[in-house]
Amino acid sequence: MEIAQRLSIKGTFMSVNQIQVHVENIKCGGCEKSIVNGLMSIEGLSNVVIDREQQLVSVTADASLHDALVAKLKSMGYPEHGSVSGLDAGLANAKSFVSCAIGRVS
């Protein structure tokens, strides 16, 4: 779901969107911390908000960053809901435990 806003920067217009991705495997605050730290490495992305209960990650970014956002989440073990199954789902779950542990100690 994207909610578009327009910003004027030095006479040019840039589209900024609230991008929301439903993910799997968010278990605790350690997961949340890892997700925030990982996503903030994507240039042009800000305002990371995580709803653990809804398994929802929301960010403010240009719509062109959607695929990079989804890929980064998947690489950390938090794939988009329903995008992986079988062995891939098991691997994503295992990655999320590692990301969670890193978030807890960092």
PDB file of N, CA and C in Angstrom:
ATOM      1  N   MET A   1       0.851  -1.164   0.000  1.00  0.00           N
ATOM      2  CA  MET A   1       0.000   0.000   0.000  1.00  0.00           C
ATOM      3  C   MET A   1       0.898   1.229   0.000  1.00  0.00           C
ATOM      4  N   GLU A   2       0.628   2.162  -0.887  1.00  0.00           N
ATOM      5  CA  GLU A   2       1.440   3.363  -0.964  1.00  0.00           C
ATOM      6  C   GLU A   2       0.539   4.593  -0.875  1.00  0.00           C
ATOM      7  N   ILE A   3       0.933   5.538  -0.057  1.00  0.00           N
ATOM      8  CA  ILE A   3       0.210   6.793   0.073  1.00  0.00           C
ATOM      9  C   ILE A   3       1.151   7.879  -0.414  1.00  0.00           C
ATOM     10  N   ALA A   4       0.869   8.434  -1.576  1.00  0.00           N
ATOM     11  CA  ALA A   4       1.785   9.381  -2.208  1.00  0.00           C
ATOM     12  C   ALA A   4       1.642  10.778  -1.623  1.00  0.00           C
ATOM     13  N   GLN A   5       2.771  11.457  -1.508  1.00  0.00           N
ATOM     14  CA  GLN A   5       2.826  12.855  -1.108  1.00  0.00           C
ATOM     15  C   GLN A   5       3.769  13.531  -2.088  1.00  0.00           C
ATOM     16  N   ARG A   6       3.647  14.827  -2.265  1.00  0.00           N
ATOM     17  CA  ARG A   6       4.542  15.573  -3.153  1.00  0.00           C
ATOM     18  C   ARG A   6       5.364  16.552  -2.316  1.00  0.00           C
ATOM     19  N   LEU A   7       6.659  16.576  -2.543  1.00  0.00           N
ATOM     20  CA  LEU A   7       7.538  17.525  -1.875  1.00  0.00           C
ATOM     21  C   LEU A   7       8.225  18.380  -2.919  1.00  0.00           C
ATOM     22  N   SER A   8       8.344  19.651  -2.655  1.00  0.00           N
ATOM     23  CA  SER A   8       9.060  20.541  -3.554  1.00  0.00           C
ATOM     24  C   SER A   8      10.449  20.770  -2.984  1.00  0.00           C
ATOM     25  N   ILE A   9      11.463  20.430  -3.770  1.00  0.00           N
ATOM     26  CA  ILE A   9      12.845  20.619  -3.349  1.00  0.00           C
ATOM     27  C   ILE A   9      13.557  21.420  -4.437  1.00  0.00           C
ATOM     28  N   LYS A  10      13.903  22.676  -4.132  1.00  0.00           N
ATOM     29  CA  LYS A  10      14.591  23.565  -5.062  1.00  0.00           C
ATOM     30  C   LYS A  10      13.874  23.620  -6.411  1.00  0.00           C
ATOM     31  N   GLY A  11      12.559  23.777  -6.377  1.00  0.00           N
ATOM     32  CA  GLY A  11      11.810  23.960  -7.611  1.00  0.00           C
ATOM     33  C   GLY A  11      11.464  22.675  -8.349  1.00  0.00           C
ATOM     34  N   THR A  12      11.939  21.522  -7.876  1.00  0.00           N
ATOM     35  CA  THR A  12      11.591  20.265  -8.519  1.00  0.00           C
ATOM     36  C   THR A  12      10.660  19.495  -7.590  1.00  0.00           C
ATOM     37  N   PHE A  13       9.912  18.589  -8.155  1.00  0.00           N
ATOM     38  CA  PHE A  13       8.996  17.788  -7.355  1.00  0.00           C
ATOM     39  C   PHE A  13       9.497  16.366  -7.258  1.00  0.00           C
ATOM     40  N   MET A  14       9.412  15.808  -6.059  1.00  0.00           N
ATOM     41  CA  MET A  14       9.836  14.441  -5.806  1.00  0.00           C
ATOM     42  C   MET A  14       8.666  13.719  -5.146  1.00  0.00           C
ATOM     43  N   SER A  15       8.371  12.543  -5.612  1.00  0.00           N
ATOM     44  CA  SER A  15       7.283  11.770  -5.034  1.00  0.00           C
ATOM     45  C   SER A  15       7.809  10.979  -3.842  1.00  0.00           C
ATOM     46  N   VAL A  16       7.202  11.176  -2.678  1.00  0.00           N
ATOM     47  CA  VAL A  16       7.577  10.443  -1.475  1.00  0.00           C
ATOM     48  C   VAL A  16       6.370   9.621  -1.061  1.00  0.00           C
ATOM     49  N   ASN A  17       6.598   8.358  -0.775  1.00  0.00           N
ATOM     50  CA  ASN A  17       5.515   7.451  -0.464  1.00  0.00           C
ATOM     51  C   ASN A  17       5.706   6.797   0.884  1.00  0.00           C
ATOM     52  N   GLN A  18       4.591   6.458   1.485  1.00  0.00           N
ATOM     53  CA  GLN A  18       4.615   5.591   2.653  1.00  0.00           C
ATOM     54  C   GLN A  18       4.486   4.187   2.080  1.00  0.00           C
ATOM     55  N   ILE A  19       5.551   3.414   2.147  1.00  0.00           N
ATOM     56  CA  ILE A  19       5.552   2.056   1.613  1.00  0.00           C
ATOM     57  C   ILE A  19       5.360   1.096   2.778  1.00  0.00           C
ATOM     58  N   GLN A  20       4.419   0.191   2.630  1.00  0.00           N
ATOM     59  CA  GLN A  20       4.138  -0.792   3.671  1.00  0.00           C
ATOM     60  C   GLN A  20       4.326  -2.187   3.096  1.00  0.00           C
ATOM     61  N   VAL A  21       5.017  -3.035   3.857  1.00  0.00           N
ATOM     62  CA  VAL A  21       5.254  -4.411   3.445  1.00  0.00           C
ATOM     63  C   VAL A  21       4.861  -5.333   4.592  1.00  0.00           C
ATOM     64  N   HIS A  22       3.946  -6.250   4.322  1.00  0.00           N
ATOM     65  CA  HIS A  22       3.614  -7.287   5.303  1.00  0.00           C
ATOM     66  C   HIS A  22       4.671  -8.373   5.191  1.00  0.00           C
ATOM     67  N   VAL A  23       5.316  -8.682   6.307  1.00  0.00           N
ATOM     68  CA  VAL A  23       6.419  -9.640   6.308  1.00  0.00           C
ATOM     69  C   VAL A  23       6.114 -10.805   7.242  1.00  0.00           C
ATOM     70  N   GLU A  24       7.013 -11.741   7.276  1.00  0.00           N
ATOM     71  CA  GLU A  24       6.922 -12.889   8.173  1.00  0.00           C
ATOM     72  C   GLU A  24       8.091 -12.858   9.149  1.00  0.00           C
ATOM     73  N   ASN A  25       7.941 -13.517  10.282  1.00  0.00           N
ATOM     74  CA  ASN A  25       9.026 -13.832  11.222  1.00  0.00           C
ATOM     75  C   ASN A  25       9.421 -12.745  12.210  1.00  0.00           C
ATOM     76  N   ILE A  26       8.687 -11.640  12.340  1.00  0.00           N
ATOM     77  CA  ILE A  26       9.037 -10.653  13.358  1.00  0.00           C
ATOM     78  C   ILE A  26       8.552 -11.193  14.702  1.00  0.00           C
ATOM     79  N   LYS A  27       9.507 -11.470  15.602  1.00  0.00           N
ATOM     80  CA  LYS A  27       9.185 -12.130  16.863  1.00  0.00           C
ATOM     81  C   LYS A  27       9.343 -11.243  18.087  1.00  0.00           C
ATOM     82  N   CYS A  28      10.259 -10.270  18.027  1.00  0.00           N
ATOM     83  CA  CYS A  28      10.569  -9.525  19.248  1.00  0.00           C
ATOM     84  C   CYS A  28      11.236  -8.195  18.924  1.00  0.00           C
ATOM     85  N   GLY A  29      11.620  -7.505  19.981  1.00  0.00           N
ATOM     86  CA  GLY A  29      12.319  -6.238  19.826  1.00  0.00           C
ATOM     87  C   GLY A  29      13.669  -6.369  19.146  1.00  0.00           C
ATOM     88  N   GLY A  30      14.325  -7.527  19.322  1.00  0.00           N
ATOM     89  CA  GLY A  30      15.601  -7.748  18.631  1.00  0.00           C
ATOM     90  C   GLY A  30      15.406  -7.780  17.124  1.00  0.00           C
ATOM     91  N   CYS A  31      14.330  -8.422  16.686  1.00  0.00           N
ATOM     92  CA  CYS A  31      13.996  -8.444  15.258  1.00  0.00           C
ATOM     93  C   CYS A  31      13.761  -7.016  14.763  1.00  0.00           C
ATOM     94  N   GLU A  32      12.976  -6.267  15.522  1.00  0.00           N
ATOM     95  CA  GLU A  32      12.655  -4.895  15.139  1.00  0.00           C
ATOM     96  C   GLU A  32      13.914  -4.044  15.008  1.00  0.00           C
ATOM     97  N   LYS A  33      14.806  -4.175  15.973  1.00  0.00           N
ATOM     98  CA  LYS A  33      16.046  -3.380  15.953  1.00  0.00           C
ATOM     99  C   LYS A  33      16.905  -3.747  14.744  1.00  0.00           C
ATOM    100  N   SER A  34      17.007  -5.034  14.430  1.00  0.00           N
ATOM    101  CA  SER A  34      17.776  -5.463  13.267  1.00  0.00           C
ATOM    102  C   SER A  34      17.169  -4.940  11.976  1.00  0.00           C
ATOM    103  N   ILE A  35      15.840  -4.975  11.891  1.00  0.00           N
ATOM    104  CA  ILE A  35      15.169  -4.478  10.687  1.00  0.00           C
ATOM    105  C   ILE A  35      15.435  -2.988  10.507  1.00  0.00           C
ATOM    106  N   VAL A  36      15.271  -2.217  11.573  1.00  0.00           N
ATOM    107  CA  VAL A  36      15.515  -0.771  11.481  1.00  0.00           C
ATOM    108  C   VAL A  36      16.960  -0.508  11.052  1.00  0.00           C
ATOM    109  N   ASN A  37      17.916  -1.151  11.700  1.00  0.00           N
ATOM    110  CA  ASN A  37      19.325  -0.937  11.361  1.00  0.00           C
ATOM    111  C   ASN A  37      19.621  -1.358   9.929  1.00  0.00           C
ATOM    112  N   GLY A  38      19.085  -2.480   9.503  1.00  0.00           N
ATOM    113  CA  GLY A  38      19.328  -2.949   8.148  1.00  0.00           C
ATOM    114  C   GLY A  38      18.717  -2.046   7.097  1.00  0.00           C
ATOM    115  N   LEU A  39      17.488  -1.606   7.327  1.00  0.00           N
ATOM    116  CA  LEU A  39      16.816  -0.770   6.327  1.00  0.00           C
ATOM    117  C   LEU A  39      17.402   0.623   6.240  1.00  0.00           C
ATOM    118  N   MET A  40      17.930   1.136   7.337  1.00  0.00           N
ATOM    119  CA  MET A  40      18.509   2.475   7.294  1.00  0.00           C
ATOM    120  C   MET A  40      19.779   2.533   6.449  1.00  0.00           C
ATOM    121  N   SER A  41      20.284   1.379   6.036  1.00  0.00           N
ATOM    122  CA  SER A  41      21.436   1.363   5.127  1.00  0.00           C
ATOM    123  C   SER A  41      21.020   1.650   3.684  1.00  0.00           C
ATOM    124  N   ILE A  42      19.723   1.680   3.413  1.00  0.00           N
ATOM    125  CA  ILE A  42      19.229   1.988   2.070  1.00  0.00           C
ATOM    126  C   ILE A  42      19.084   3.496   1.952  1.00  0.00           C
ATOM    127  N   GLU A  43      19.867   4.095   1.080  1.00  0.00           N
ATOM    128  CA  GLU A  43      19.841   5.548   0.901  1.00  0.00           C
ATOM    129  C   GLU A  43      18.484   5.989   0.361  1.00  0.00           C
ATOM    130  N   GLY A  44      17.939   7.043   0.942  1.00  0.00           N
ATOM    131  CA  GLY A  44      16.661   7.582   0.505  1.00  0.00           C
ATOM    132  C   GLY A  44      15.473   7.052   1.273  1.00  0.00           C
ATOM    133  N   LEU A  45      15.725   6.209   2.237  1.00  0.00           N
ATOM    134  CA  LEU A  45      14.667   5.603   3.036  1.00  0.00           C
ATOM    135  C   LEU A  45      14.709   6.201   4.435  1.00  0.00           C
ATOM    136  N   SER A  46      13.548   6.502   5.015  1.00  0.00           N
ATOM    137  CA  SER A  46      13.515   7.061   6.365  1.00  0.00           C
ATOM    138  C   SER A  46      12.243   6.614   7.078  1.00  0.00           C
ATOM    139  N   ASN A  47      12.139   7.009   8.328  1.00  0.00           N
ATOM    140  CA  ASN A  47      10.941   6.765   9.132  1.00  0.00           C
ATOM    141  C   ASN A  47      10.495   5.304   9.120  1.00  0.00           C
ATOM    142  N   VAL A  48      11.353   4.417   9.551  1.00  0.00           N
ATOM    143  CA  VAL A  48      10.999   3.006   9.628  1.00  0.00           C
ATOM    144  C   VAL A  48      10.109   2.790  10.847  1.00  0.00           C
ATOM    145  N   VAL A  49       8.932   2.231  10.614  1.00  0.00           N
ATOM    146  CA  VAL A  49       7.988   1.924  11.685  1.00  0.00           C
ATOM    147  C   VAL A  49       7.605   0.462  11.547  1.00  0.00           C
ATOM    148  N   ILE A  50       7.665  -0.265  12.659  1.00  0.00           N
ATOM    149  CA  ILE A  50       7.366  -1.698  12.639  1.00  0.00           C
ATOM    150  C   ILE A  50       6.202  -1.981  13.571  1.00  0.00           C
ATOM    151  N   ASP A  51       5.217  -2.685  13.048  1.00  0.00           N
ATOM    152  CA  ASP A  51       4.083  -3.146  13.836  1.00  0.00           C
ATOM    153  C   ASP A  51       4.234  -4.658  13.962  1.00  0.00           C
ATOM    154  N   ARG A  52       4.775  -5.103  15.095  1.00  0.00           N
ATOM    155  CA  ARG A  52       5.071  -6.528  15.300  1.00  0.00           C
ATOM    156  C   ARG A  52       3.797  -7.372  15.230  1.00  0.00           C
ATOM    157  N   GLU A  53       2.735  -6.896  15.844  1.00  0.00           N
ATOM    158  CA  GLU A  53       1.488  -7.658  15.875  1.00  0.00           C
ATOM    159  C   GLU A  53       0.918  -7.877  14.470  1.00  0.00           C
ATOM    160  N   GLN A  54       0.986  -6.854  13.648  1.00  0.00           N
ATOM    161  CA  GLN A  54       0.472  -6.950  12.283  1.00  0.00           C
ATOM    162  C   GLN A  54       1.522  -7.481  11.292  1.00  0.00           C
ATOM    163  N   GLN A  55       2.785  -7.646  11.772  1.00  0.00           N
ATOM    164  CA  GLN A  55       3.886  -8.075  10.906  1.00  0.00           C
ATOM    165  C   GLN A  55       4.021  -7.105   9.721  1.00  0.00           C
ATOM    166  N   LEU A  56       4.002  -5.809  10.027  1.00  0.00           N
ATOM    167  CA  LEU A  56       3.991  -4.760   9.017  1.00  0.00           C
ATOM    168  C   LEU A  56       5.188  -3.837   9.199  1.00  0.00           C
ATOM    169  N   VAL A  57       5.909  -3.619   8.101  1.00  0.00           N
ATOM    170  CA  VAL A  57       7.027  -2.678   8.090  1.00  0.00           C
ATOM    171  C   VAL A  57       6.611  -1.517   7.192  1.00  0.00           C
ATOM    172  N   SER A  58       6.684  -0.297   7.723  1.00  0.00           N
ATOM    173  CA  SER A  58       6.329   0.909   6.975  1.00  0.00           C
ATOM    174  C   SER A  58       7.546   1.820   6.921  1.00  0.00           C
ATOM    175  N   VAL A  59       7.785   2.404   5.750  1.00  0.00           N
ATOM    176  CA  VAL A  59       8.896   3.339   5.586  1.00  0.00           C
ATOM    177  C   VAL A  59       8.443   4.507   4.707  1.00  0.00           C
ATOM    178  N   THR A  60       9.167   5.581   4.794  1.00  0.00           N
ATOM    179  CA  THR A  60       8.970   6.701   3.894  1.00  0.00           C
ATOM    180  C   THR A  60      10.102   6.654   2.880  1.00  0.00           C
ATOM    181  N   ALA A  61       9.737   6.570   1.596  1.00  0.00           N
ATOM    182  CA  ALA A  61      10.748   6.465   0.545  1.00  0.00           C
ATOM    183  C   ALA A  61      10.092   6.680  -0.809  1.00  0.00           C
ATOM    184  N   ASP A  62      10.909   6.932  -1.794  1.00  0.00           N
ATOM    185  CA  ASP A  62      10.424   6.982  -3.163  1.00  0.00           C
ATOM    186  C   ASP A  62       9.949   5.586  -3.559  1.00  0.00           C
ATOM    187  N   ALA A  63       8.900   5.524  -4.339  1.00  0.00           N
ATOM    188  CA  ALA A  63       8.327   4.237  -4.747  1.00  0.00           C
ATOM    189  C   ALA A  63       9.346   3.353  -5.464  1.00  0.00           C
ATOM    190  N   SER A  64      10.338   3.948  -6.080  1.00  0.00           N
ATOM    191  CA  SER A  64      11.357   3.165  -6.800  1.00  0.00           C
ATOM    192  C   SER A  64      12.199   2.310  -5.855  1.00  0.00           C
ATOM    193  N   LEU A  65      12.133   2.572  -4.548  1.00  0.00           N
ATOM    194  CA  LEU A  65      12.908   1.797  -3.579  1.00  0.00           C
ATOM    195  C   LEU A  65      12.153   0.575  -3.048  1.00  0.00           C
ATOM    196  N   HIS A  66      10.923   0.364  -3.503  1.00  0.00           N
ATOM    197  CA  HIS A  66      10.112  -0.749  -3.007  1.00  0.00           C
ATOM    198  C   HIS A  66      10.830  -2.089  -3.150  1.00  0.00           C
ATOM    199  N   ASP A  67      11.362  -2.379  -4.345  1.00  0.00           N
ATOM    200  CA  ASP A  67      12.016  -3.671  -4.576  1.00  0.00           C
ATOM    201  C   ASP A  67      13.265  -3.842  -3.718  1.00  0.00           C
ATOM    202  N   ALA A  68      14.030  -2.757  -3.532  1.00  0.00           N
ATOM    203  CA  ALA A  68      15.221  -2.819  -2.681  1.00  0.00           C
ATOM    204  C   ALA A  68      14.824  -3.077  -1.234  1.00  0.00           C
ATOM    205  N   LEU A  69      13.717  -2.477  -0.801  1.00  0.00           N
ATOM    206  CA  LEU A  69      13.202  -2.680   0.549  1.00  0.00           C
ATOM    207  C   LEU A  69      12.817  -4.144   0.761  1.00  0.00           C
ATOM    208  N   VAL A  70      12.060  -4.703  -0.166  1.00  0.00           N
ATOM    209  CA  VAL A  70      11.613  -6.099  -0.059  1.00  0.00           C
ATOM    210  C   VAL A  70      12.813  -7.045  -0.094  1.00  0.00           C
ATOM    211  N   ALA A  71      13.783  -6.760  -0.963  1.00  0.00           N
ATOM    212  CA  ALA A  71      14.978  -7.619  -1.062  1.00  0.00           C
ATOM    213  C   ALA A  71      15.800  -7.574   0.221  1.00  0.00           C
ATOM    214  N   LYS A  72      15.953  -6.398   0.808  1.00  0.00           N
ATOM    215  CA  LYS A  72      16.720  -6.264   2.052  1.00  0.00           C
ATOM    216  C   LYS A  72      16.022  -7.011   3.187  1.00  0.00           C
ATOM    217  N   LEU A  73      14.719  -6.853   3.287  1.00  0.00           N
ATOM    218  CA  LEU A  73      13.967  -7.572   4.321  1.00  0.00           C
ATOM    219  C   LEU A  73      14.130  -9.081   4.160  1.00  0.00           C
ATOM    220  N   LYS A  74      14.011  -9.565   2.936  1.00  0.00           N
ATOM    221  CA  LYS A  74      14.153 -11.002   2.679  1.00  0.00           C
ATOM    222  C   LYS A  74      15.549 -11.489   3.047  1.00  0.00           C
ATOM    223  N   SER A  75      16.568 -10.698   2.718  1.00  0.00           N
ATOM    224  CA  SER A  75      17.950 -11.110   3.003  1.00  0.00           C
ATOM    225  C   SER A  75      18.216 -11.228   4.501  1.00  0.00           C
ATOM    226  N   MET A  76      17.419 -10.511   5.313  1.00  0.00           N
ATOM    227  CA  MET A  76      17.578 -10.558   6.762  1.00  0.00           C
ATOM    228  C   MET A  76      16.680 -11.615   7.410  1.00  0.00           C
ATOM    229  N   GLY A  77      15.856 -12.296   6.594  1.00  0.00           N
ATOM    230  CA  GLY A  77      14.986 -13.341   7.132  1.00  0.00           C
ATOM    231  C   GLY A  77      13.554 -12.908   7.366  1.00  0.00           C
ATOM    232  N   TYR A  78      13.171 -11.770   6.784  1.00  0.00           N
ATOM    233  CA  TYR A  78      11.821 -11.244   6.946  1.00  0.00           C
ATOM    234  C   TYR A  78      11.182 -11.047   5.570  1.00  0.00           C
ATOM    235  N   PRO A  79      10.872 -12.160   4.885  1.00  0.00           N
ATOM    236  CA  PRO A  79      10.330 -12.042   3.530  1.00  0.00           C
ATOM    237  C   PRO A  79       8.914 -11.482   3.526  1.00  0.00           C
ATOM    238  N   GLU A  80       8.528 -10.942   2.392  1.00  0.00           N
ATOM    239  CA  GLU A  80       7.160 -10.469   2.224  1.00  0.00           C
ATOM    240  C   GLU A  80       6.208 -11.644   2.439  1.00  0.00           C
ATOM    241  N   HIS A  81       5.119 -11.390   3.135  1.00  0.00           N
ATOM    242  CA  HIS A  81       4.161 -12.437   3.494  1.00  0.00           C
ATOM    243  C   HIS A  81       3.731 -13.226   2.248  1.00  0.00           C
ATOM    244  N   GLY A  82       3.870 -14.549   2.331  1.00  0.00           N
ATOM    245  CA  GLY A  82       3.439 -15.425   1.252  1.00  0.00           C
ATOM    246  C   GLY A  82       4.391 -15.547   0.082  1.00  0.00           C
ATOM    247  N   SER A  83       5.558 -14.914   0.169  1.00  0.00           N
ATOM    248  CA  SER A  83       6.479 -14.925  -0.975  1.00  0.00           C
ATOM    249  C   SER A  83       7.428 -16.117  -0.974  1.00  0.00           C
ATOM    250  N   VAL A  84       7.538 -16.825   0.141  1.00  0.00           N
ATOM    251  CA  VAL A  84       8.409 -18.005   0.211  1.00  0.00           C
ATOM    252  C   VAL A  84       7.639 -19.164   0.818  1.00  0.00           C
ATOM    253  N   SER A  85       8.047 -20.367   0.448  1.00  0.00           N
ATOM    254  CA  SER A  85       7.410 -21.558   1.014  1.00  0.00           C
ATOM    255  C   SER A  85       8.425 -22.685   1.063  1.00  0.00           C
ATOM    256  N   GLY A  86       8.065 -23.749   1.742  1.00  0.00           N
ATOM    257  CA  GLY A  86       8.929 -24.927   1.816  1.00  0.00           C
ATOM    258  C   GLY A  86      10.268 -24.631   2.442  1.00  0.00           C
ATOM    259  N   LEU A  87      11.332 -25.137   1.803  1.00  0.00           N
ATOM    260  CA  LEU A  87      12.687 -24.966   2.309  1.00  0.00           C
ATOM    261  C   LEU A  87      13.070 -23.487   2.407  1.00  0.00           C
ATOM    262  N   ASP A  88      12.640 -22.679   1.426  1.00  0.00           N
ATOM    263  CA  ASP A  88      12.957 -21.250   1.465  1.00  0.00           C
ATOM    264  C   ASP A  88      12.345 -20.571   2.692  1.00  0.00           C
ATOM    265  N   ALA A  89      11.149 -20.996   3.072  1.00  0.00           N
ATOM    266  CA  ALA A  89      10.520 -20.442   4.272  1.00  0.00           C
ATOM    267  C   ALA A  89      11.306 -20.842   5.514  1.00  0.00           C
ATOM    268  N   GLY A  90      11.787 -22.081   5.547  1.00  0.00           N
ATOM    269  CA  GLY A  90      12.599 -22.537   6.673  1.00  0.00           C
ATOM    270  C   GLY A  90      13.904 -21.775   6.775  1.00  0.00           C
ATOM    271  N   LEU A  91      14.537 -21.521   5.628  1.00  0.00           N
ATOM    272  CA  LEU A  91      15.787 -20.750   5.620  1.00  0.00           C
ATOM    273  C   LEU A  91      15.543 -19.311   6.067  1.00  0.00           C
ATOM    274  N   ALA A  92      14.445 -18.721   5.615  1.00  0.00           N
ATOM    275  CA  ALA A  92      14.120 -17.351   6.028  1.00  0.00           C
ATOM    276  C   ALA A  92      13.905 -17.294   7.536  1.00  0.00           C
ATOM    277  N   ASN A  93      13.225 -18.284   8.081  1.00  0.00           N
ATOM    278  CA  ASN A  93      12.992 -18.325   9.521  1.00  0.00           C
ATOM    279  C   ASN A  93      14.315 -18.437  10.278  1.00  0.00           C
ATOM    280  N   ALA A  94      15.223 -19.276   9.782  1.00  0.00           N
ATOM    281  CA  ALA A  94      16.533 -19.420  10.426  1.00  0.00           C
ATOM    282  C   ALA A  94      17.308 -18.103  10.369  1.00  0.00           C
ATOM    283  N   LYS A  95      17.276 -17.410   9.214  1.00  0.00           N
ATOM    284  CA  LYS A  95      17.957 -16.117   9.091  1.00  0.00           C
ATOM    285  C   LYS A  95      17.374 -15.110  10.078  1.00  0.00           C
ATOM    286  N   SER A  96      16.052 -15.157  10.259  1.00  0.00           N
ATOM    287  CA  SER A  96      15.429 -14.193  11.162  1.00  0.00           C
ATOM    288  C   SER A  96      15.902 -14.394  12.599  1.00  0.00           C
ATOM    289  N   PHE A  97      16.162 -15.648  12.991  1.00  0.00           N
ATOM    290  CA  PHE A  97      16.682 -15.897  14.346  1.00  0.00           C
ATOM    291  C   PHE A  97      18.075 -15.285  14.507  1.00  0.00           C
ATOM    292  N   VAL A  98      18.898 -15.376  13.465  1.00  0.00           N
ATOM    293  CA  VAL A  98      20.231 -14.772  13.506  1.00  0.00           C
ATOM    294  C   VAL A  98      20.106 -13.248  13.588  1.00  0.00           C
ATOM    295  N   SER A  99      19.249 -12.668  12.730  1.00  0.00           N
ATOM    296  CA  SER A  99      19.043 -11.218  12.761  1.00  0.00           C
ATOM    297  C   SER A  99      18.521 -10.772  14.123  1.00  0.00           C
ATOM    298  N   CYS A 100      17.622 -11.556  14.683  1.00  0.00           N
ATOM    299  CA  CYS A 100      17.064 -11.255  16.002  1.00  0.00           C
ATOM    300  C   CYS A 100      18.165 -11.224  17.058  1.00  0.00           C
ATOM    301  N   ALA A 101      19.020 -12.229  17.037  1.00  0.00           N
ATOM    302  CA  ALA A 101      20.109 -12.304  18.015  1.00  0.00           C
ATOM    303  C   ALA A 101      21.048 -11.097  17.870  1.00  0.00           C
ATOM    304  N   ILE A 102      21.349 -10.723  16.646  1.00  0.00           N
ATOM    305  CA  ILE A 102      22.215  -9.557  16.406  1.00  0.00           C
ATOM    306  C   ILE A 102      21.539  -8.308  16.960  1.00  0.00           C
ATOM    307  N   GLY A 103      20.234  -8.169  16.723  1.00  0.00           N
ATOM    308  CA  GLY A 103      19.503  -7.010  17.234  1.00  0.00           C
ATOM    309  C   GLY A 103      19.485  -6.940  18.744  1.00  0.00           C
ATOM    310  N   ARG A 104      19.460  -8.080  19.388  1.00  0.00           N
ATOM    311  CA  ARG A 104      19.432  -8.103  20.858  1.00  0.00           C
ATOM    312  C   ARG A 104      20.762  -7.697  21.467  1.00  0.00           C
ATOM    313  N   VAL A 105      21.878  -8.016  20.810  1.00  0.00           N
ATOM    314  CA  VAL A 105      23.188  -7.708  21.394  1.00  0.00           C
ATOM    315  C   VAL A 105      23.770  -6.394  20.906  1.00  0.00           C
ATOM    316  N   SER A 106      23.192  -5.823  19.862  1.00  0.00           N
ATOM    317  CA  SER A 106      23.765  -4.556  19.353  1.00  0.00           C
ATOM    318  C   SER A 106      23.093  -3.357  19.963  1.00  0.00           C
TER     319      SER A 106
END
